[in-house]
Amino acid sequence: LALTDNVTPANTISMLGSVRRNLDDQTPYYAWLSDNAEAVLEKMPDYHVSRMPEFIATTCDADNLALAIEFYGPIKDQHEGMARSYDIMMDESNQCLRLKETYQSKFDAFLNGL
């Protein structure tokens, strides 16, 4: 659907982000994105392509971050601005992972006490 004319180029990034956020295991998403990367990147405006890592791939899951790194790592220097967005994705994701590791047990204890 994201590659059809039913979704405008400017809305493609939102659709991809919505799909990714609704998957606990993002393996199928990144498999699809890898298979369709050229078409996705051609469809979207350049300013959206450059911001994909930051707006689509930031995560608080180590496995999903590994998938994002595998996808965006090789292409981040091929698109103007994407390397900066990749760095932001890495910073935000790693901060979330650190906070999760530090406070998850306390949060779980709180929820169990309800």
PDB file of N, CA and C in Angstrom:
ATOM      1  N   LEU A   1       0.821  -1.200   0.000  1.00  0.00           N
ATOM      2  CA  LEU A   1       0.000   0.000   0.000  1.00  0.00           C
ATOM      3  C   LEU A   1       0.862   1.259   0.000  1.00  0.00           C
ATOM      4  N   ALA A   2       1.946   1.254   0.751  1.00  0.00           N
ATOM      5  CA  ALA A   2       2.793   2.448   0.839  1.00  0.00           C
ATOM      6  C   ALA A   2       3.372   2.844  -0.509  1.00  0.00           C
ATOM      7  N   LEU A   3       3.492   1.900  -1.414  1.00  0.00           N
ATOM      8  CA  LEU A   3       4.087   2.194  -2.712  1.00  0.00           C
ATOM      9  C   LEU A   3       3.058   2.494  -3.790  1.00  0.00           C
ATOM     10  N   THR A   4       1.776   2.432  -3.452  1.00  0.00           N
ATOM     11  CA  THR A   4       0.738   2.718  -4.435  1.00  0.00           C
ATOM     12  C   THR A   4       0.455   4.213  -4.483  1.00  0.00           C
ATOM     13  N   ASP A   5      -0.346   4.607  -5.463  1.00  0.00           N
ATOM     14  CA  ASP A   5      -0.750   6.007  -5.576  1.00  0.00           C
ATOM     15  C   ASP A   5      -1.762   6.399  -4.510  1.00  0.00           C
ATOM     16  N   ASN A   6      -2.274   5.426  -3.747  1.00  0.00           N
ATOM     17  CA  ASN A   6      -3.224   5.732  -2.676  1.00  0.00           C
ATOM     18  C   ASN A   6      -2.559   6.459  -1.512  1.00  0.00           C
ATOM     19  N   VAL A   7      -1.250   6.378  -1.413  1.00  0.00           N
ATOM     20  CA  VAL A   7      -0.491   7.056  -0.363  1.00  0.00           C
ATOM     21  C   VAL A   7       0.413   8.075  -1.049  1.00  0.00           C
ATOM     22  N   THR A   8       0.271   9.334  -0.652  1.00  0.00           N
ATOM     23  CA  THR A   8       1.081  10.380  -1.266  1.00  0.00           C
ATOM     24  C   THR A   8       2.543  10.226  -0.853  1.00  0.00           C
ATOM     25  N   PRO A   9       3.453  10.746  -1.653  1.00  0.00           N
ATOM     26  CA  PRO A   9       4.864  10.675  -1.275  1.00  0.00           C
ATOM     27  C   PRO A   9       5.137  11.261   0.116  1.00  0.00           C
ATOM     28  N   ALA A  10       4.498  12.372   0.436  1.00  0.00           N
ATOM     29  CA  ALA A  10       4.729  13.009   1.736  1.00  0.00           C
ATOM     30  C   ALA A  10       4.170  12.190   2.894  1.00  0.00           C
ATOM     31  N   ASN A  11       3.166  11.356   2.650  1.00  0.00           N
ATOM     32  CA  ASN A  11       2.569  10.539   3.710  1.00  0.00           C
ATOM     33  C   ASN A  11       3.211   9.163   3.841  1.00  0.00           C
ATOM     34  N   THR A  12       4.092   8.827   2.940  1.00  0.00           N
ATOM     35  CA  THR A  12       4.735   7.513   2.975  1.00  0.00           C
ATOM     36  C   THR A  12       5.519   7.318   4.265  1.00  0.00           C
ATOM     37  N   ILE A  13       6.241   8.334   4.715  1.00  0.00           N
ATOM     38  CA  ILE A  13       7.035   8.207   5.941  1.00  0.00           C
ATOM     39  C   ILE A  13       6.133   7.935   7.141  1.00  0.00           C
ATOM     40  N   SER A  14       4.956   8.573   7.180  1.00  0.00           N
ATOM     41  CA  SER A  14       4.019   8.340   8.288  1.00  0.00           C
ATOM     42  C   SER A  14       3.497   6.915   8.272  1.00  0.00           C
ATOM     43  N   MET A  15       3.185   6.412   7.085  1.00  0.00           N
ATOM     44  CA  MET A  15       2.683   5.045   6.983  1.00  0.00           C
ATOM     45  C   MET A  15       3.748   4.046   7.424  1.00  0.00           C
ATOM     46  N   LEU A  16       4.967   4.245   6.970  1.00  0.00           N
ATOM     47  CA  LEU A  16       6.048   3.338   7.363  1.00  0.00           C
ATOM     48  C   LEU A  16       6.268   3.384   8.870  1.00  0.00           C
ATOM     49  N   GLY A  17       6.228   4.572   9.439  1.00  0.00           N
ATOM     50  CA  GLY A  17       6.402   4.709  10.882  1.00  0.00           C
ATOM     51  C   GLY A  17       5.296   4.036  11.660  1.00  0.00           C
ATOM     52  N   SER A  18       4.057   4.171  11.191  1.00  0.00           N
ATOM     53  CA  SER A  18       2.918   3.541  11.869  1.00  0.00           C
ATOM     54  C   SER A  18       3.029   2.025  11.848  1.00  0.00           C
ATOM     55  N   VAL A  19       3.396   1.484  10.716  1.00  0.00           N
ATOM     56  CA  VAL A  19       3.550   0.031  10.608  1.00  0.00           C
ATOM     57  C   VAL A  19       4.655  -0.451  11.545  1.00  0.00           C
ATOM     58  N   ARG A  20       5.795   0.209  11.513  1.00  0.00           N
ATOM     59  CA  ARG A  20       6.931  -0.207  12.332  1.00  0.00           C
ATOM     60  C   ARG A  20       6.605  -0.140  13.818  1.00  0.00           C
ATOM     61  N   ARG A  21       5.949   0.935  14.248  1.00  0.00           N
ATOM     62  CA  ARG A  21       5.630   1.101  15.672  1.00  0.00           C
ATOM     63  C   ARG A  21       4.658   0.048  16.185  1.00  0.00           C
ATOM     64  N   ASN A  22       3.879  -0.544  15.312  1.00  0.00           N
ATOM     65  CA  ASN A  22       2.885  -1.530  15.733  1.00  0.00           C
ATOM     66  C   ASN A  22       3.402  -2.961  15.711  1.00  0.00           C
ATOM     67  N   LEU A  23       4.673  -3.134  15.452  1.00  0.00           N
ATOM     68  CA  LEU A  23       5.274  -4.470  15.436  1.00  0.00           C
ATOM     69  C   LEU A  23       6.257  -4.607  16.589  1.00  0.00           C
ATOM     70  N   ASP A  24       6.038  -5.579  17.456  1.00  0.00           N
ATOM     71  CA  ASP A  24       7.022  -5.842  18.509  1.00  0.00           C
ATOM     72  C   ASP A  24       8.319  -6.368  17.897  1.00  0.00           C
ATOM     73  N   ASP A  25       8.190  -7.310  16.988  1.00  0.00           N
ATOM     74  CA  ASP A  25       9.338  -7.845  16.258  1.00  0.00           C
ATOM     75  C   ASP A  25       9.302  -7.220  14.869  1.00  0.00           C
ATOM     76  N   GLN A  26      10.236  -6.353  14.585  1.00  0.00           N
ATOM     77  CA  GLN A  26      10.220  -5.604  13.332  1.00  0.00           C
ATOM     78  C   GLN A  26      10.948  -6.301  12.191  1.00  0.00           C
ATOM     79  N   THR A  27      11.269  -7.574  12.369  1.00  0.00           N
ATOM     80  CA  THR A  27      11.949  -8.331  11.325  1.00  0.00           C
ATOM     81  C   THR A  27      11.178  -8.307  10.003  1.00  0.00           C
ATOM     82  N   PRO A  28       9.850  -8.561  10.001  1.00  0.00           N
ATOM     83  CA  PRO A  28       9.128  -8.524   8.717  1.00  0.00           C
ATOM     84  C   PRO A  28       9.147  -7.136   8.068  1.00  0.00           C
ATOM     85  N   TYR A  29       9.076  -6.093   8.885  1.00  0.00           N
ATOM     86  CA  TYR A  29       9.111  -4.725   8.360  1.00  0.00           C
ATOM     87  C   TYR A  29      10.441  -4.464   7.651  1.00  0.00           C
ATOM     88  N   TYR A  30      11.547  -4.788   8.317  1.00  0.00           N
ATOM     89  CA  TYR A  30      12.851  -4.528   7.703  1.00  0.00           C
ATOM     90  C   TYR A  30      13.116  -5.443   6.513  1.00  0.00           C
ATOM     91  N   ALA A  31      12.554  -6.642   6.511  1.00  0.00           N
ATOM     92  CA  ALA A  31      12.671  -7.515   5.334  1.00  0.00           C
ATOM     93  C   ALA A  31      11.958  -6.870   4.149  1.00  0.00           C
ATOM     94  N   TRP A  32      10.737  -6.363   4.398  1.00  0.00           N
ATOM     95  CA  TRP A  32       9.986  -5.685   3.335  1.00  0.00           C
ATOM     96  C   TRP A  32      10.724  -4.427   2.888  1.00  0.00           C
ATOM     97  N   LEU A  33      11.202  -3.636   3.849  1.00  0.00           N
ATOM     98  CA  LEU A  33      11.894  -2.390   3.512  1.00  0.00           C
ATOM     99  C   LEU A  33      13.163  -2.670   2.707  1.00  0.00           C
ATOM    100  N   SER A  34      13.889  -3.702   3.063  1.00  0.00           N
ATOM    101  CA  SER A  34      15.093  -4.060   2.306  1.00  0.00           C
ATOM    102  C   SER A  34      14.743  -4.454   0.878  1.00  0.00           C
ATOM    103  N   ASP A  35      13.669  -5.223   0.722  1.00  0.00           N
ATOM    104  CA  ASP A  35      13.244  -5.653  -0.614  1.00  0.00           C
ATOM    105  C   ASP A  35      12.724  -4.497  -1.458  1.00  0.00           C
ATOM    106  N   ASN A  36      12.191  -3.462  -0.808  1.00  0.00           N
ATOM    107  CA  ASN A  36      11.546  -2.358  -1.521  1.00  0.00           C
ATOM    108  C   ASN A  36      12.242  -1.015  -1.307  1.00  0.00           C
ATOM    109  N   ALA A  37      13.465  -1.049  -0.830  1.00  0.00           N
ATOM    110  CA  ALA A  37      14.173   0.188  -0.471  1.00  0.00           C
ATOM    111  C   ALA A  37      14.259   1.172  -1.631  1.00  0.00           C
ATOM    112  N   GLU A  38      14.629   0.696  -2.784  1.00  0.00           N
ATOM    113  CA  GLU A  38      14.791   1.596  -3.924  1.00  0.00           C
ATOM    114  C   GLU A  38      13.484   2.311  -4.246  1.00  0.00           C
ATOM    115  N   ALA A  39      12.381   1.578  -4.282  1.00  0.00           N
ATOM    116  CA  ALA A  39      11.084   2.187  -4.591  1.00  0.00           C
ATOM    117  C   ALA A  39      10.646   3.160  -3.502  1.00  0.00           C
ATOM    118  N   VAL A  40      10.869   2.799  -2.238  1.00  0.00           N
ATOM    119  CA  VAL A  40      10.496   3.680  -1.124  1.00  0.00           C
ATOM    120  C   VAL A  40      11.305   4.970  -1.185  1.00  0.00           C
ATOM    121  N   LEU A  41      12.607   4.856  -1.366  1.00  0.00           N
ATOM    122  CA  LEU A  41      13.473   6.030  -1.385  1.00  0.00           C
ATOM    123  C   LEU A  41      13.188   6.927  -2.581  1.00  0.00           C
ATOM    124  N   GLU A  42      12.801   6.338  -3.699  1.00  0.00           N
ATOM    125  CA  GLU A  42      12.447   7.130  -4.879  1.00  0.00           C
ATOM    126  C   GLU A  42      11.117   7.844  -4.695  1.00  0.00           C
ATOM    127  N   LYS A  43      10.194   7.221  -3.988  1.00  0.00           N
ATOM    128  CA  LYS A  43       8.861   7.799  -3.823  1.00  0.00           C
ATOM    129  C   LYS A  43       8.863   8.983  -2.866  1.00  0.00           C
ATOM    130  N   MET A  44       9.610   8.871  -1.785  1.00  0.00           N
ATOM    131  CA  MET A  44       9.550   9.894  -0.744  1.00  0.00           C
ATOM    132  C   MET A  44      10.362  11.132  -1.118  1.00  0.00           C
ATOM    133  N   PRO A  45       9.923  12.297  -0.618  1.00  0.00           N
ATOM    134  CA  PRO A  45      10.734  13.507  -0.808  1.00  0.00           C
ATOM    135  C   PRO A  45      12.085  13.349  -0.103  1.00  0.00           C
ATOM    136  N   ASP A  46      13.106  13.995  -0.631  1.00  0.00           N
ATOM    137  CA  ASP A  46      14.455  13.875  -0.065  1.00  0.00           C
ATOM    138  C   ASP A  46      14.508  14.241   1.409  1.00  0.00           C
ATOM    139  N   TYR A  47      13.744  15.262   1.816  1.00  0.00           N
ATOM    140  CA  TYR A  47      13.796  15.663   3.224  1.00  0.00           C
ATOM    141  C   TYR A  47      13.200  14.601   4.136  1.00  0.00           C
ATOM    142  N   HIS A  48      12.326  13.743   3.622  1.00  0.00           N
ATOM    143  CA  HIS A  48      11.817  12.624   4.421  1.00  0.00           C
ATOM    144  C   HIS A  48      12.808  11.467   4.418  1.00  0.00           C
ATOM    145  N   VAL A  49      13.422  11.226   3.282  1.00  0.00           N
ATOM    146  CA  VAL A  49      14.424  10.158   3.195  1.00  0.00           C
ATOM    147  C   VAL A  49      15.538  10.419   4.206  1.00  0.00           C
ATOM    148  N   SER A  50      15.984  11.665   4.278  1.00  0.00           N
ATOM    149  CA  SER A  50      17.094  11.983   5.176  1.00  0.00           C
ATOM    150  C   SER A  50      16.735  11.808   6.643  1.00  0.00           C
ATOM    151  N   ARG A  51      15.451  11.877   6.982  1.00  0.00           N
ATOM    152  CA  ARG A  51      15.031  11.792   8.382  1.00  0.00           C
ATOM    153  C   ARG A  51      14.493  10.416   8.772  1.00  0.00           C
ATOM    154  N   MET A  52      14.525   9.468   7.873  1.00  0.00           N
ATOM    155  CA  MET A  52      13.968   8.140   8.152  1.00  0.00           C
ATOM    156  C   MET A  52      14.516   7.490   9.420  1.00  0.00           C
ATOM    157  N   PRO A  53      15.832   7.429   9.626  1.00  0.00           N
ATOM    158  CA  PRO A  53      16.304   6.744  10.840  1.00  0.00           C
ATOM    159  C   PRO A  53      15.741   7.364  12.113  1.00  0.00           C
ATOM    160  N   GLU A  54      15.785   8.677  12.200  1.00  0.00           N
ATOM    161  CA  GLU A  54      15.342   9.383  13.399  1.00  0.00           C
ATOM    162  C   GLU A  54      13.852   9.208  13.656  1.00  0.00           C
ATOM    163  N   PHE A  55      13.035   9.365  12.625  1.00  0.00           N
ATOM    164  CA  PHE A  55      11.591   9.354  12.810  1.00  0.00           C
ATOM    165  C   PHE A  55      10.951   7.983  12.683  1.00  0.00           C
ATOM    166  N   ILE A  56      11.591   7.070  11.999  1.00  0.00           N
ATOM    167  CA  ILE A  56      10.994   5.748  11.815  1.00  0.00           C
ATOM    168  C   ILE A  56      11.666   4.689  12.680  1.00  0.00           C
ATOM    169  N   ALA A  57      12.971   4.768  12.866  1.00  0.00           N
ATOM    170  CA  ALA A  57      13.696   3.629  13.427  1.00  0.00           C
ATOM    171  C   ALA A  57      14.085   3.747  14.894  1.00  0.00           C
ATOM    172  N   THR A  58      13.926   4.915  15.519  1.00  0.00           N
ATOM    173  CA  THR A  58      14.271   5.030  16.935  1.00  0.00           C
ATOM    174  C   THR A  58      13.447   4.020  17.722  1.00  0.00           C
ATOM    175  N   THR A  59      14.096   3.268  18.600  1.00  0.00           N
ATOM    176  CA  THR A  59      13.433   2.168  19.293  1.00  0.00           C
ATOM    177  C   THR A  59      14.024   1.973  20.683  1.00  0.00           C
ATOM    178  N   CYS A  60      13.298   1.240  21.500  1.00  0.00           N
ATOM    179  CA  CYS A  60      13.787   0.895  22.838  1.00  0.00           C
ATOM    180  C   CYS A  60      13.960  -0.624  22.944  1.00  0.00           C
ATOM    181  N   ASP A  61      14.196  -1.261  21.824  1.00  0.00           N
ATOM    182  CA  ASP A  61      14.373  -2.703  21.762  1.00  0.00           C
ATOM    183  C   ASP A  61      15.701  -2.998  21.060  1.00  0.00           C
ATOM    184  N   ALA A  62      16.575  -3.715  21.721  1.00  0.00           N
ATOM    185  CA  ALA A  62      17.916  -3.977  21.187  1.00  0.00           C
ATOM    186  C   ALA A  62      17.878  -4.747  19.869  1.00  0.00           C
ATOM    187  N   ASP A  63      16.977  -5.718  19.747  1.00  0.00           N
ATOM    188  CA  ASP A  63      16.898  -6.498  18.505  1.00  0.00           C
ATOM    189  C   ASP A  63      16.432  -5.630  17.341  1.00  0.00           C
ATOM    190  N   ASN A  64      15.444  -4.774  17.597  1.00  0.00           N
ATOM    191  CA  ASN A  64      14.951  -3.893  16.540  1.00  0.00           C
ATOM    192  C   ASN A  64      15.990  -2.834  16.177  1.00  0.00           C
ATOM    193  N   LEU A  65      16.756  -2.380  17.159  1.00  0.00           N
ATOM    194  CA  LEU A  65      17.835  -1.436  16.861  1.00  0.00           C
ATOM    195  C   LEU A  65      18.880  -2.099  15.964  1.00  0.00           C
ATOM    196  N   ALA A  66      19.186  -3.354  16.218  1.00  0.00           N
ATOM    197  CA  ALA A  66      20.141  -4.083  15.371  1.00  0.00           C
ATOM    198  C   ALA A  66      19.636  -4.160  13.931  1.00  0.00           C
ATOM    199  N   LEU A  67      18.334  -4.363  13.760  1.00  0.00           N
ATOM    200  CA  LEU A  67      17.749  -4.389  12.414  1.00  0.00           C
ATOM    201  C   LEU A  67      17.878  -3.027  11.737  1.00  0.00           C
ATOM    202  N   ALA A  68      17.637  -1.961  12.501  1.00  0.00           N
ATOM    203  CA  ALA A  68      17.754  -0.605  11.954  1.00  0.00           C
ATOM    204  C   ALA A  68      19.195  -0.312  11.544  1.00  0.00           C
ATOM    205  N   ILE A  69      20.131  -0.704  12.380  1.00  0.00           N
ATOM    206  CA  ILE A  69      21.549  -0.498  12.073  1.00  0.00           C
ATOM    207  C   ILE A  69      21.927  -1.252  10.800  1.00  0.00           C
ATOM    208  N   GLU A  70      21.442  -2.477  10.690  1.00  0.00           N
ATOM    209  CA  GLU A  70      21.735  -3.295   9.502  1.00  0.00           C
ATOM    210  C   GLU A  70      21.182  -2.648   8.235  1.00  0.00           C
ATOM    211  N   PHE A  71      19.987  -2.042   8.328  1.00  0.00           N
ATOM    212  CA  PHE A  71      19.388  -1.422   7.147  1.00  0.00           C
ATOM    213  C   PHE A  71      20.007  -0.059   6.843  1.00  0.00           C
ATOM    214  N   TYR A  72      20.048   0.823   7.836  1.00  0.00           N
ATOM    215  CA  TYR A  72      20.465   2.207   7.593  1.00  0.00           C
ATOM    216  C   TYR A  72      21.976   2.398   7.556  1.00  0.00           C
ATOM    217  N   GLY A  73      22.726   1.545   8.251  1.00  0.00           N
ATOM    218  CA  GLY A  73      24.180   1.697   8.282  1.00  0.00           C
ATOM    219  C   GLY A  73      24.816   1.819   6.903  1.00  0.00           C
ATOM    220  N   PRO A  74      24.520   0.900   5.990  1.00  0.00           N
ATOM    221  CA  PRO A  74      25.153   0.959   4.669  1.00  0.00           C
ATOM    222  C   PRO A  74      24.678   2.112   3.779  1.00  0.00           C
ATOM    223  N   ILE A  75      23.509   2.694   4.052  1.00  0.00           N
ATOM    224  CA  ILE A  75      22.979   3.725   3.146  1.00  0.00           C
ATOM    225  C   ILE A  75      23.019   5.131   3.727  1.00  0.00           C
ATOM    226  N   LYS A  76      23.355   5.276   4.999  1.00  0.00           N
ATOM    227  CA  LYS A  76      23.240   6.583   5.656  1.00  0.00           C
ATOM    228  C   LYS A  76      24.114   7.657   5.019  1.00  0.00           C
ATOM    229  N   ASP A  77      25.228   7.289   4.437  1.00  0.00           N
ATOM    230  CA  ASP A  77      26.108   8.279   3.815  1.00  0.00           C
ATOM    231  C   ASP A  77      25.768   8.539   2.347  1.00  0.00           C
ATOM    232  N   GLN A  78      24.789   7.821   1.827  1.00  0.00           N
ATOM    233  CA  GLN A  78      24.390   7.997   0.429  1.00  0.00           C
ATOM    234  C   GLN A  78      23.292   9.040   0.259  1.00  0.00           C
ATOM    235  N   HIS A  79      22.701   9.505   1.364  1.00  0.00           N
ATOM    236  CA  HIS A  79      21.592  10.455   1.309  1.00  0.00           C
ATOM    237  C   HIS A  79      21.907  11.635   2.213  1.00  0.00           C
ATOM    238  N   GLU A  80      21.866  12.821   1.637  1.00  0.00           N
ATOM    239  CA  GLU A  80      22.222  14.025   2.384  1.00  0.00           C
ATOM    240  C   GLU A  80      21.380  14.152   3.654  1.00  0.00           C
ATOM    241  N   GLY A  81      22.042  14.295   4.774  1.00  0.00           N
ATOM    242  CA  GLY A  81      21.367  14.480   6.052  1.00  0.00           C
ATOM    243  C   GLY A  81      21.047  13.199   6.796  1.00  0.00           C
ATOM    244  N   MET A  82      21.091  12.055   6.131  1.00  0.00           N
ATOM    245  CA  MET A  82      20.705  10.811   6.785  1.00  0.00           C
ATOM    246  C   MET A  82      21.712  10.389   7.850  1.00  0.00           C
ATOM    247  N   ALA A  83      22.977  10.691   7.664  1.00  0.00           N
ATOM    248  CA  ALA A  83      23.980  10.306   8.668  1.00  0.00           C
ATOM    249  C   ALA A  83      23.689  10.993   9.998  1.00  0.00           C
ATOM    250  N   ARG A  84      23.273  12.254   9.961  1.00  0.00           N
ATOM    251  CA  ARG A  84      22.921  12.971  11.197  1.00  0.00           C
ATOM    252  C   ARG A  84      21.682  12.350  11.823  1.00  0.00           C
ATOM    253  N   SER A  85      20.692  12.027  11.018  1.00  0.00           N
ATOM    254  CA  SER A  85      19.475  11.392  11.514  1.00  0.00           C
ATOM    255  C   SER A  85      19.790  10.021  12.118  1.00  0.00           C
ATOM    256  N   TYR A  86      20.715   9.308  11.513  1.00  0.00           N
ATOM    257  CA  TYR A  86      21.169   8.008  12.025  1.00  0.00           C
ATOM    258  C   TYR A  86      21.805   8.182  13.404  1.00  0.00           C
ATOM    259  N   ASP A  87      22.640   9.216  13.548  1.00  0.00           N
ATOM    260  CA  ASP A  87      23.268   9.486  14.847  1.00  0.00           C
ATOM    261  C   ASP A  87      22.221   9.802  15.911  1.00  0.00           C
ATOM    262  N   ILE A  88      21.201  10.559  15.537  1.00  0.00           N
ATOM    263  CA  ILE A  88      20.123  10.881  16.479  1.00  0.00           C
ATOM    264  C   ILE A  88      19.376   9.611  16.868  1.00  0.00           C
ATOM    265  N   MET A  89      19.083   8.759  15.886  1.00  0.00           N
ATOM    266  CA  MET A  89      18.432   7.481  16.165  1.00  0.00           C
ATOM    267  C   MET A  89      19.254   6.671  17.158  1.00  0.00           C
ATOM    268  N   MET A  90      20.550   6.612  16.933  1.00  0.00           N
ATOM    269  CA  MET A  90      21.427   5.844  17.817  1.00  0.00           C
ATOM    270  C   MET A  90      21.430   6.431  19.228  1.00  0.00           C
ATOM    271  N   ASP A  91      21.561   7.743  19.334  1.00  0.00           N
ATOM    272  CA  ASP A  91      21.583   8.390  20.650  1.00  0.00           C
ATOM    273  C   ASP A  91      20.284   8.156  21.406  1.00  0.00           C
ATOM    274  N   GLU A  92      19.146   8.408  20.740  1.00  0.00           N
ATOM    275  CA  GLU A  92      17.853   8.257  21.405  1.00  0.00           C
ATOM    276  C   GLU A  92      17.575   6.803  21.772  1.00  0.00           C
ATOM    277  N   SER A  93      17.885   5.893  20.876  1.00  0.00           N
ATOM    278  CA  SER A  93      17.646   4.473  21.144  1.00  0.00           C
ATOM    279  C   SER A  93      18.532   3.971  22.277  1.00  0.00           C
ATOM    280  N   ASN A  94      19.799   4.334  22.250  1.00  0.00           N
ATOM    281  CA  ASN A  94      20.706   3.885  23.310  1.00  0.00           C
ATOM    282  C   ASN A  94      20.345   4.493  24.658  1.00  0.00           C
ATOM    283  N   GLN A  95      19.887   5.731  24.673  1.00  0.00           N
ATOM    284  CA  GLN A  95      19.438   6.329  25.927  1.00  0.00           C
ATOM    285  C   GLN A  95      18.234   5.567  26.471  1.00  0.00           C
ATOM    286  N   CYS A  96      17.290   5.255  25.611  1.00  0.00           N
ATOM    287  CA  CYS A  96      16.114   4.504  26.035  1.00  0.00           C
ATOM    288  C   CYS A  96      16.511   3.128  26.564  1.00  0.00           C
ATOM    289  N   LEU A  97      17.415   2.457  25.879  1.00  0.00           N
ATOM    290  CA  LEU A  97      17.867   1.136  26.328  1.00  0.00           C
ATOM    291  C   LEU A  97      18.565   1.210  27.681  1.00  0.00           C
ATOM    292  N   ARG A  98      19.370   2.258  27.893  1.00  0.00           N
ATOM    293  CA  ARG A  98      20.033   2.430  29.196  1.00  0.00           C
ATOM    294  C   ARG A  98      19.011   2.675  30.302  1.00  0.00           C
ATOM    295  N   LEU A  99      18.033   3.542  30.034  1.00  0.00           N
ATOM    296  CA  LEU A  99      16.999   3.825  31.034  1.00  0.00           C
ATOM    297  C   LEU A  99      16.168   2.581  31.326  1.00  0.00           C
ATOM    298  N   LYS A 100      15.861   1.837  30.287  1.00  0.00           N
ATOM    299  CA  LYS A 100      15.089   0.603  30.450  1.00  0.00           C
ATOM    300  C   LYS A 100      15.852  -0.385  31.325  1.00  0.00           C
ATOM    301  N   GLU A 101      17.137  -0.530  31.065  1.00  0.00           N
ATOM    302  CA  GLU A 101      17.954  -1.450  31.860  1.00  0.00           C
ATOM    303  C   GLU A 101      18.034  -0.990  33.318  1.00  0.00           C
ATOM    304  N   THR A 102      18.137   0.306  33.523  1.00  0.00           N
ATOM    305  CA  THR A 102      18.281   0.851  34.871  1.00  0.00           C
ATOM    306  C   THR A 102      16.992   0.766  35.676  1.00  0.00           C
ATOM    307  N   TYR A 103      15.854   1.066  35.042  1.00  0.00           N
ATOM    308  CA  TYR A 103      14.609   1.242  35.798  1.00  0.00           C
ATOM    309  C   TYR A 103      13.526   0.201  35.535  1.00  0.00           C
ATOM    310  N   GLN A 104      13.730  -0.717  34.622  1.00  0.00           N
ATOM    311  CA  GLN A 104      12.670  -1.665  34.275  1.00  0.00           C
ATOM    312  C   GLN A 104      12.221  -2.494  35.467  1.00  0.00           C
ATOM    313  N   SER A 105      13.144  -2.961  36.284  1.00  0.00           N
ATOM    314  CA  SER A 105      12.757  -3.805  37.423  1.00  0.00           C
ATOM    315  C   SER A 105      11.912  -3.017  38.423  1.00  0.00           C
ATOM    316  N   LYS A 106      12.219  -1.753  38.636  1.00  0.00           N
ATOM    317  CA  LYS A 106      11.416  -0.925  39.544  1.00  0.00           C
ATOM    318  C   LYS A 106      10.028  -0.679  38.966  1.00  0.00           C
ATOM    319  N   PHE A 107       9.963  -0.462  37.675  1.00  0.00           N
ATOM    320  CA  PHE A 107       8.673  -0.256  37.027  1.00  0.00           C
ATOM    321  C   PHE A 107       7.830  -1.528  37.095  1.00  0.00           C
ATOM    322  N   ASP A 108       8.452  -2.668  36.836  1.00  0.00           N
ATOM    323  CA  ASP A 108       7.739  -3.945  36.935  1.00  0.00           C
ATOM    324  C   ASP A 108       7.222  -4.170  38.352  1.00  0.00           C
ATOM    325  N   ALA A 109       8.035  -3.852  39.357  1.00  0.00           N
ATOM    326  CA  ALA A 109       7.613  -4.004  40.754  1.00  0.00           C
ATOM    327  C   ALA A 109       6.426  -3.096  41.056  1.00  0.00           C
ATOM    328  N   PHE A 110       6.457  -1.889  40.538  1.00  0.00           N
ATOM    329  CA  PHE A 110       5.336  -0.970  40.718  1.00  0.00           C
ATOM    330  C   PHE A 110       4.059  -1.548  40.112  1.00  0.00           C
ATOM    331  N   LEU A 111       4.153  -2.042  38.882  1.00  0.00           N
ATOM    332  CA  LEU A 111       2.974  -2.607  38.220  1.00  0.00           C
ATOM    333  C   LEU A 111       2.453  -3.829  38.962  1.00  0.00           C
ATOM    334  N   ASN A 112       3.345  -4.652  39.462  1.00  0.00           N
ATOM    335  CA  ASN A 112       2.931  -5.842  40.209  1.00  0.00           C
ATOM    336  C   ASN A 112       2.258  -5.478  41.524  1.00  0.00           C
ATOM    337  N   GLY A 113       2.557  -4.297  42.045  1.00  0.00           N
ATOM    338  CA  GLY A 113       1.953  -3.849  43.296  1.00  0.00           C
ATOM    339  C   GLY A 113       0.582  -3.234  43.131  1.00  0.00           C
ATOM    340  N   LEU A 114       0.137  -3.047  41.914  1.00  0.00           N
ATOM    341  CA  LEU A 114      -1.193  -2.445  41.686  1.00  0.00           C
ATOM    342  C   LEU A 114      -2.308  -3.422  41.933  1.00  0.00           C
TER     343      LEU A 114
END
